[in-house]
Amino acid sequence: MTKDLIRKYIWLIDHIQKEGMEGVTYADIAQRWKEYTGTPYAKRSFHNHINAVYELFGIEIKCLKGKNLNRYYISDNSDFKDISGFKNWLLDAMSLSCALEVKEPLKKRILLEEVPSGRENLTDILEAMGNGKTLTFTYKAFWMDGDKESTFYNVEPYALKMFKRRWYLLAKYGDGPLKTYALDRMSNIDEEFNNFTPPEDFDAEEFFSTCFGIISDQKVEPEIIYLKVDDFQAKYLRSLPLHHSQKEVERTNDYTVFSYYLRPSFDFVQEILHHGETMEVLKPESLRAEVARIARVMAERNS
């Protein structure tokens, strides 16, 4: 599938989605298309694109028939709540790319966060996963000394996840448990001849459902966590929750208490510390004590 075709699909989704459930006529779309591309939008191509959008993204564009005009809209899905996170991310990325191609001067005024993961590594892993093959690579974790040799792995690739601007591979090495590997720490990636298909009952979203980030230590049991957040910071958490399990259990003019159900792993502790004095752990006591311990060490080192 060419980049040009994907660009057209994204354009069509954007222009129908922003009209909401009222929809838009084919004549209006065709006119905007001509302004965008400088070429006519044949009705046959329009319907072919509608079918392709459904096959590629699972977005169904329906036709609301009227006495004089038919109007097209995105079915039950105008805010894309039913689209997977990956497809939403892809749509956002492609929409920005399309917009910048039209408005070339804006490129220097759009600043994005750098993702250190190598693009080549991501492509190689996706190809292996798509072909149902195992992977080999050498890996040098962050904790390894500069002169220490990398470790060689032959793994079964289960899933990919992005977290904190880094891509991670969830994979199984030998008889060990599923582990995550940062793509930017990999080198010499190669697709093997051995076939591999994840178990039918494996669900990547379910696997990470009680994880804050990418640490999936099954020895750490998930539990209910209560965080007391000041009123200013609570506004941000309502618009962008820390975790999908976030619930608002108490709200006052000064603070809000949120509950979470997850594993209190190292990356979650780091997130709490990141919010500083705006956030307090109420329960469980073990997590509260751990955050307090780290805060004391920080205070001593900076006193």
Protein backbone atom coordinates (compact mmCIF):
# COMPACT_ATOMS: atom_id res chain seq x y z
CA MET A 1 0.00 0.00 0.00
CA THR A 2 1.49 3.29 -1.07
CA LYS A 3 1.99 6.31 1.15
CA ASP A 4 -0.19 8.31 -1.26
CA LEU A 5 -3.15 5.99 -0.76
CA ILE A 6 -2.86 6.08 3.04
CA ARG A 7 -2.71 9.87 2.86
CA LYS A 8 -5.98 9.88 0.93
CA TYR A 9 -7.66 7.59 3.46
CA ILE A 10 -6.55 9.78 6.35
CA TRP A 11 -7.79 12.88 4.56
CA LEU A 12 -11.20 11.27 4.01
CA ILE A 13 -11.49 10.16 7.66
CA ASP A 14 -10.55 13.63 8.94
CA HIS A 15 -13.05 15.46 6.76
CA ILE A 16 -15.97 13.18 7.52
CA GLN A 17 -15.18 12.82 11.22
CA LYS A 18 -15.14 16.55 11.92
CA GLU A 19 -18.70 16.90 10.56
CA GLY A 20 -20.00 14.65 13.34
CA MET A 21 -23.25 12.71 13.04
CA GLU A 22 -24.74 15.34 10.72
CA GLY A 23 -22.45 14.04 8.02
CA VAL A 24 -21.32 15.61 4.78
CA THR A 25 -22.47 15.22 1.18
CA TYR A 26 -20.41 13.66 -1.56
CA ALA A 27 -20.54 16.96 -3.46
CA ASP A 28 -18.95 18.81 -0.52
CA ILE A 29 -16.25 16.16 -0.15
CA ALA A 30 -15.53 16.20 -3.88
CA GLN A 31 -15.19 19.99 -3.82
CA ARG A 32 -12.77 19.91 -0.87
CA TRP A 33 -10.86 17.09 -2.55
CA LYS A 34 -10.39 19.16 -5.68
CA GLU A 35 -9.11 22.07 -3.59
CA TYR A 36 -6.72 19.70 -1.77
CA THR A 37 -5.37 17.71 -4.74
CA GLY A 38 -6.27 19.80 -7.79
CA THR A 39 -7.99 16.76 -9.33
CA PRO A 40 -11.63 15.55 -9.45
CA TYR A 41 -12.82 12.95 -6.92
CA ALA A 42 -14.58 10.24 -8.92
CA LYS A 43 -17.51 8.69 -7.10
CA ARG A 44 -16.14 5.22 -7.74
CA SER A 45 -12.83 6.17 -6.11
CA PHE A 46 -14.75 7.71 -3.20
CA HIS A 47 -16.60 4.43 -2.52
CA ASN A 48 -13.41 2.40 -2.97
CA HIS A 49 -11.75 4.58 -0.35
CA ILE A 50 -14.69 4.09 2.03
CA ASN A 51 -14.24 0.30 1.75
CA ALA A 52 -10.47 0.58 2.22
CA VAL A 53 -10.88 2.75 5.33
CA TYR A 54 -13.04 0.04 6.89
CA GLU A 55 -10.63 -2.76 5.98
CA LEU A 56 -7.51 -0.91 7.16
CA PHE A 57 -8.74 0.96 10.25
CA GLY A 58 -12.08 -0.70 11.08
CA ILE A 59 -13.78 2.69 10.65
CA GLU A 60 -17.20 2.35 9.05
CA ILE A 61 -18.37 5.29 6.95
CA LYS A 62 -22.13 5.08 6.51
CA CYS A 63 -24.56 6.84 4.22
CA LEU A 64 -27.61 8.64 5.62
CA LYS A 65 -30.07 8.77 2.73
CA GLY A 66 -32.25 11.87 2.37
CA LYS A 67 -34.94 13.00 -0.03
CA ASN A 68 -32.54 15.18 -1.99
CA LEU A 69 -29.03 14.48 -0.72
CA ASN A 70 -27.15 11.60 0.88
CA ARG A 71 -24.86 12.46 3.79
CA TYR A 72 -21.85 10.42 4.91
CA TYR A 73 -20.81 10.01 8.53
CA ILE A 74 -18.67 7.77 10.75
CA SER A 75 -20.90 5.14 12.34
CA ASP A 76 -21.30 5.23 16.15
CA ASN A 77 -17.71 6.23 16.33
CA SER A 78 -17.28 9.94 15.69
CA ASP A 79 -14.83 10.32 18.59
CA PHE A 80 -12.99 7.08 17.74
CA LYS A 81 -13.53 5.54 21.18
CA ASP A 82 -13.81 2.09 19.61
CA ILE A 83 -10.57 2.35 17.66
CA SER A 84 -7.54 0.67 19.19
CA GLY A 85 -4.79 2.80 20.69
CA PHE A 86 -2.39 1.85 17.91
CA LYS A 87 -4.82 2.87 15.15
CA ASN A 88 -5.56 6.12 16.94
CA TRP A 89 -1.83 6.82 17.22
CA LEU A 90 -1.37 6.00 13.55
CA LEU A 91 -4.27 8.24 12.56
CA ASP A 92 -2.85 11.15 14.57
CA ALA A 93 0.62 10.70 13.07
CA MET A 94 -0.65 10.44 9.50
CA SER A 95 -3.09 13.35 9.93
CA LEU A 96 -0.21 15.57 11.05
CA SER A 97 1.93 14.36 8.17
CA CYS A 98 -0.82 15.16 5.65
CA ALA A 99 -1.42 18.60 7.15
CA LEU A 100 2.28 19.50 7.05
CA GLU A 101 2.58 18.46 3.41
CA VAL A 102 -0.09 21.01 2.54
CA LYS A 103 1.36 23.69 4.86
CA GLU A 104 5.09 23.24 4.24
CA PRO A 105 6.19 26.41 6.13
CA LEU A 106 4.69 25.04 9.38
CA LYS A 107 7.17 22.16 9.58
CA LYS A 108 9.71 24.32 11.42
CA ARG A 109 7.03 25.37 13.90
CA ILE A 110 5.83 21.87 14.88
CA LEU A 111 8.06 20.36 17.59
CA LEU A 112 7.75 16.66 18.37
CA GLU A 113 9.31 14.52 21.09
CA GLU A 114 12.21 12.44 19.87
CA VAL A 115 11.70 8.68 20.08
CA PRO A 116 15.18 7.12 20.53
CA SER A 117 14.12 3.67 19.30
CA GLY A 118 15.69 2.86 15.93
CA ARG A 119 13.19 2.84 13.09
CA GLU A 120 15.01 -0.07 11.48
CA ASN A 121 14.57 -2.19 14.60
CA LEU A 122 10.84 -1.50 14.69
CA THR A 123 10.44 -2.45 11.03
CA ASP A 124 12.43 -5.70 11.42
CA ILE A 125 10.41 -6.76 14.46
CA LEU A 126 7.08 -5.99 12.82
CA GLU A 127 8.10 -8.06 9.81
CA ALA A 128 9.07 -11.04 12.00
CA MET A 129 5.81 -10.80 13.96
CA GLY A 130 3.84 -10.57 10.73
CA ASN A 131 5.67 -13.56 9.26
CA GLY A 132 5.22 -15.62 12.43
CA LYS A 133 8.96 -16.07 13.01
CA THR A 134 11.30 -15.97 16.00
CA LEU A 135 13.92 -13.25 16.37
CA THR A 136 17.58 -13.08 17.31
CA PHE A 137 19.37 -9.96 18.52
CA THR A 138 22.13 -8.76 20.81
CA TYR A 139 21.05 -6.67 23.76
CA LYS A 140 22.82 -4.31 26.11
CA ALA A 141 20.69 -3.24 29.06
CA PHE A 142 21.10 0.20 30.61
CA TRP A 143 22.64 -1.27 33.77
CA MET A 144 25.50 -2.96 31.87
CA ASP A 145 28.93 -1.36 32.15
CA GLY A 146 30.31 0.36 29.06
CA ASP A 147 32.83 -2.38 28.23
CA LYS A 148 30.58 -5.30 29.12
CA GLU A 149 29.60 -7.43 26.14
CA SER A 150 26.01 -7.54 24.94
CA THR A 151 23.85 -10.62 25.54
CA PHE A 152 22.60 -12.72 22.62
CA TYR A 153 18.90 -13.61 22.58
CA ASN A 154 16.71 -15.87 20.48
CA VAL A 155 13.13 -14.94 21.37
CA GLU A 156 9.50 -15.46 20.51
CA PRO A 157 8.06 -11.98 19.78
CA TYR A 158 4.66 -11.53 21.46
CA ALA A 159 3.86 -7.81 21.29
CA LEU A 160 5.15 -4.24 20.94
CA LYS A 161 4.38 -1.39 23.32
CA MET A 162 5.35 2.27 23.42
CA PHE A 163 5.93 3.87 26.83
CA LYS A 164 7.59 7.16 27.76
CA ARG A 165 8.79 7.79 24.18
CA ARG A 166 10.40 4.34 23.84
CA TRP A 167 9.32 1.21 21.99
CA TYR A 168 9.53 -2.12 23.83
CA LEU A 169 9.25 -5.70 22.66
CA LEU A 170 7.42 -8.20 24.86
CA ALA A 171 9.04 -11.55 24.17
CA LYS A 172 9.74 -15.01 25.59
CA TYR A 173 13.31 -16.24 25.87
CA GLY A 174 13.70 -19.97 26.42
CA ASP A 175 11.62 -21.27 29.32
CA GLY A 176 11.65 -17.91 31.13
CA PRO A 177 8.68 -15.61 31.68
CA LEU A 178 7.63 -12.91 29.22
CA LYS A 179 9.98 -9.91 29.44
CA THR A 180 10.27 -6.51 27.80
CA TYR A 181 13.26 -5.37 25.75
CA ALA A 182 13.89 -1.74 24.71
CA LEU A 183 14.29 -1.52 20.95
CA ASP A 184 16.98 1.13 21.13
CA ARG A 185 19.18 -1.27 23.15
CA MET A 186 19.03 -3.94 20.43
CA SER A 187 21.46 -4.58 17.60
CA ASN A 188 22.05 -7.24 14.93
CA ILE A 189 18.34 -8.10 14.70
CA ASP A 190 17.57 -11.04 12.45
CA GLU A 191 14.45 -13.02 11.61
CA GLU A 192 14.84 -16.75 12.20
CA PHE A 193 13.41 -19.69 10.26
CA ASN A 194 11.58 -21.06 13.32
CA ASN A 195 7.85 -20.50 13.21
CA PHE A 196 6.10 -18.87 16.14
CA THR A 197 2.49 -18.01 16.89
CA PRO A 198 1.41 -16.59 20.28
CA PRO A 199 -1.04 -18.78 22.22
CA GLU A 200 -4.64 -18.25 21.13
CA ASP A 201 -5.59 -16.95 24.58
CA PHE A 202 -2.79 -14.36 24.67
CA ASP A 203 -4.03 -10.77 24.81
CA ALA A 204 -1.36 -8.03 24.99
CA GLU A 205 -3.79 -5.48 26.39
CA GLU A 206 -4.89 -7.90 29.10
CA PHE A 207 -1.27 -8.80 29.90
CA PHE A 208 -0.40 -5.16 30.60
CA SER A 209 -3.78 -4.25 32.10
CA THR A 210 -2.47 -4.14 35.68
CA CYS A 211 0.90 -2.62 34.74
CA PHE A 212 1.60 1.09 34.87
CA GLY A 213 4.21 0.97 32.12
CA ILE A 214 6.31 -1.90 30.79
CA ILE A 215 7.42 -3.61 34.03
CA SER A 216 5.36 -6.79 34.13
CA ASP A 217 6.81 -8.59 37.15
CA GLN A 218 4.18 -11.21 37.94
CA LYS A 219 5.62 -11.57 41.47
CA VAL A 220 4.26 -8.11 42.31
CA GLU A 221 0.54 -8.57 42.89
CA PRO A 222 -1.88 -5.87 41.70
CA GLU A 223 -3.73 -4.00 44.44
CA ILE A 224 -5.98 -1.00 44.97
CA ILE A 225 -4.00 2.21 45.36
CA TYR A 226 -5.37 5.54 46.61
CA LEU A 227 -3.68 8.80 45.64
CA LYS A 228 -4.61 12.20 47.08
CA VAL A 229 -3.96 14.88 44.47
CA ASP A 230 -4.22 18.65 44.84
CA ASP A 231 -6.99 20.41 42.92
CA PHE A 232 -4.72 21.88 40.24
CA GLN A 233 -3.02 18.57 39.35
CA ALA A 234 -6.33 16.68 39.54
CA LYS A 235 -7.58 18.65 36.52
CA TYR A 236 -4.75 17.20 34.46
CA LEU A 237 -5.41 13.65 35.65
CA ARG A 238 -9.08 13.93 34.70
CA SER A 239 -8.11 14.84 31.15
CA LEU A 240 -5.20 12.36 30.94
CA PRO A 241 -5.52 9.51 33.48
CA LEU A 242 -2.39 7.84 34.85
CA HIS A 243 -3.92 4.41 34.18
CA HIS A 244 -7.08 3.05 32.59
CA SER A 245 -8.30 1.84 36.03
CA GLN A 246 -8.36 5.39 37.42
CA LYS A 247 -11.52 6.25 39.36
CA GLU A 248 -12.47 9.39 41.24
CA VAL A 249 -13.57 8.39 44.77
CA GLU A 250 -13.56 11.75 46.57
CA ARG A 251 -13.57 15.35 45.41
CA THR A 252 -13.31 18.59 47.38
CA ASN A 253 -12.37 22.17 46.56
CA ASP A 254 -8.78 21.50 47.64
CA TYR A 255 -8.04 17.94 46.54
CA THR A 256 -9.30 14.78 44.82
CA VAL A 257 -8.69 11.15 45.76
CA PHE A 258 -8.18 8.77 42.82
CA SER A 259 -8.11 4.97 43.03
CA TYR A 260 -6.13 2.61 40.79
CA TYR A 261 -5.86 -1.14 40.42
CA LEU A 262 -2.34 -2.04 39.34
CA ARG A 263 1.02 -3.44 40.37
CA PRO A 264 2.99 -0.88 42.45
CA SER A 265 6.14 -1.43 40.41
CA PHE A 266 9.27 0.69 40.13
CA ASP A 267 7.97 2.71 37.16
CA PHE A 268 4.77 3.60 39.05
CA VAL A 269 6.77 4.74 42.08
CA GLN A 270 8.85 6.93 39.77
CA GLU A 271 5.67 8.45 38.36
CA ILE A 272 4.40 9.35 41.83
CA LEU A 273 7.73 10.98 42.69
CA HIS A 274 7.61 12.89 39.43
CA HIS A 275 4.48 14.69 40.63
CA GLY A 276 6.24 15.84 43.81
CA GLU A 277 4.22 17.56 46.52
CA THR A 278 1.03 17.58 44.41
CA MET A 279 0.48 13.87 45.09
CA GLU A 280 0.23 11.80 48.29
CA VAL A 281 -0.10 8.03 48.66
CA LEU A 282 -2.92 7.16 51.07
CA LYS A 283 -2.97 3.38 50.60
CA PRO A 284 -1.45 0.82 50.65
CA GLU A 285 0.86 1.55 53.56
CA SER A 286 3.77 -0.34 51.95
CA LEU A 287 3.72 1.94 48.90
CA ARG A 288 3.35 5.04 51.08
CA ALA A 289 6.39 3.97 53.11
CA GLU A 290 8.47 3.30 49.99
CA VAL A 291 7.70 6.71 48.48
CA ALA A 292 8.47 8.37 51.83
CA ARG A 293 11.79 6.51 52.07
CA ILE A 294 12.90 7.65 48.62
CA ALA A 295 11.76 11.22 49.35
CA ARG A 296 13.90 11.27 52.52
CA VAL A 297 16.95 10.07 50.61
CA MET A 298 16.38 12.77 47.98
CA ALA A 299 15.99 15.42 50.66
CA GLU A 300 19.23 14.34 52.37
CA ARG A 301 21.20 14.39 49.13
CA ASN A 302 19.92 17.83 48.19
CA SER A 303 20.21 19.44 51.64
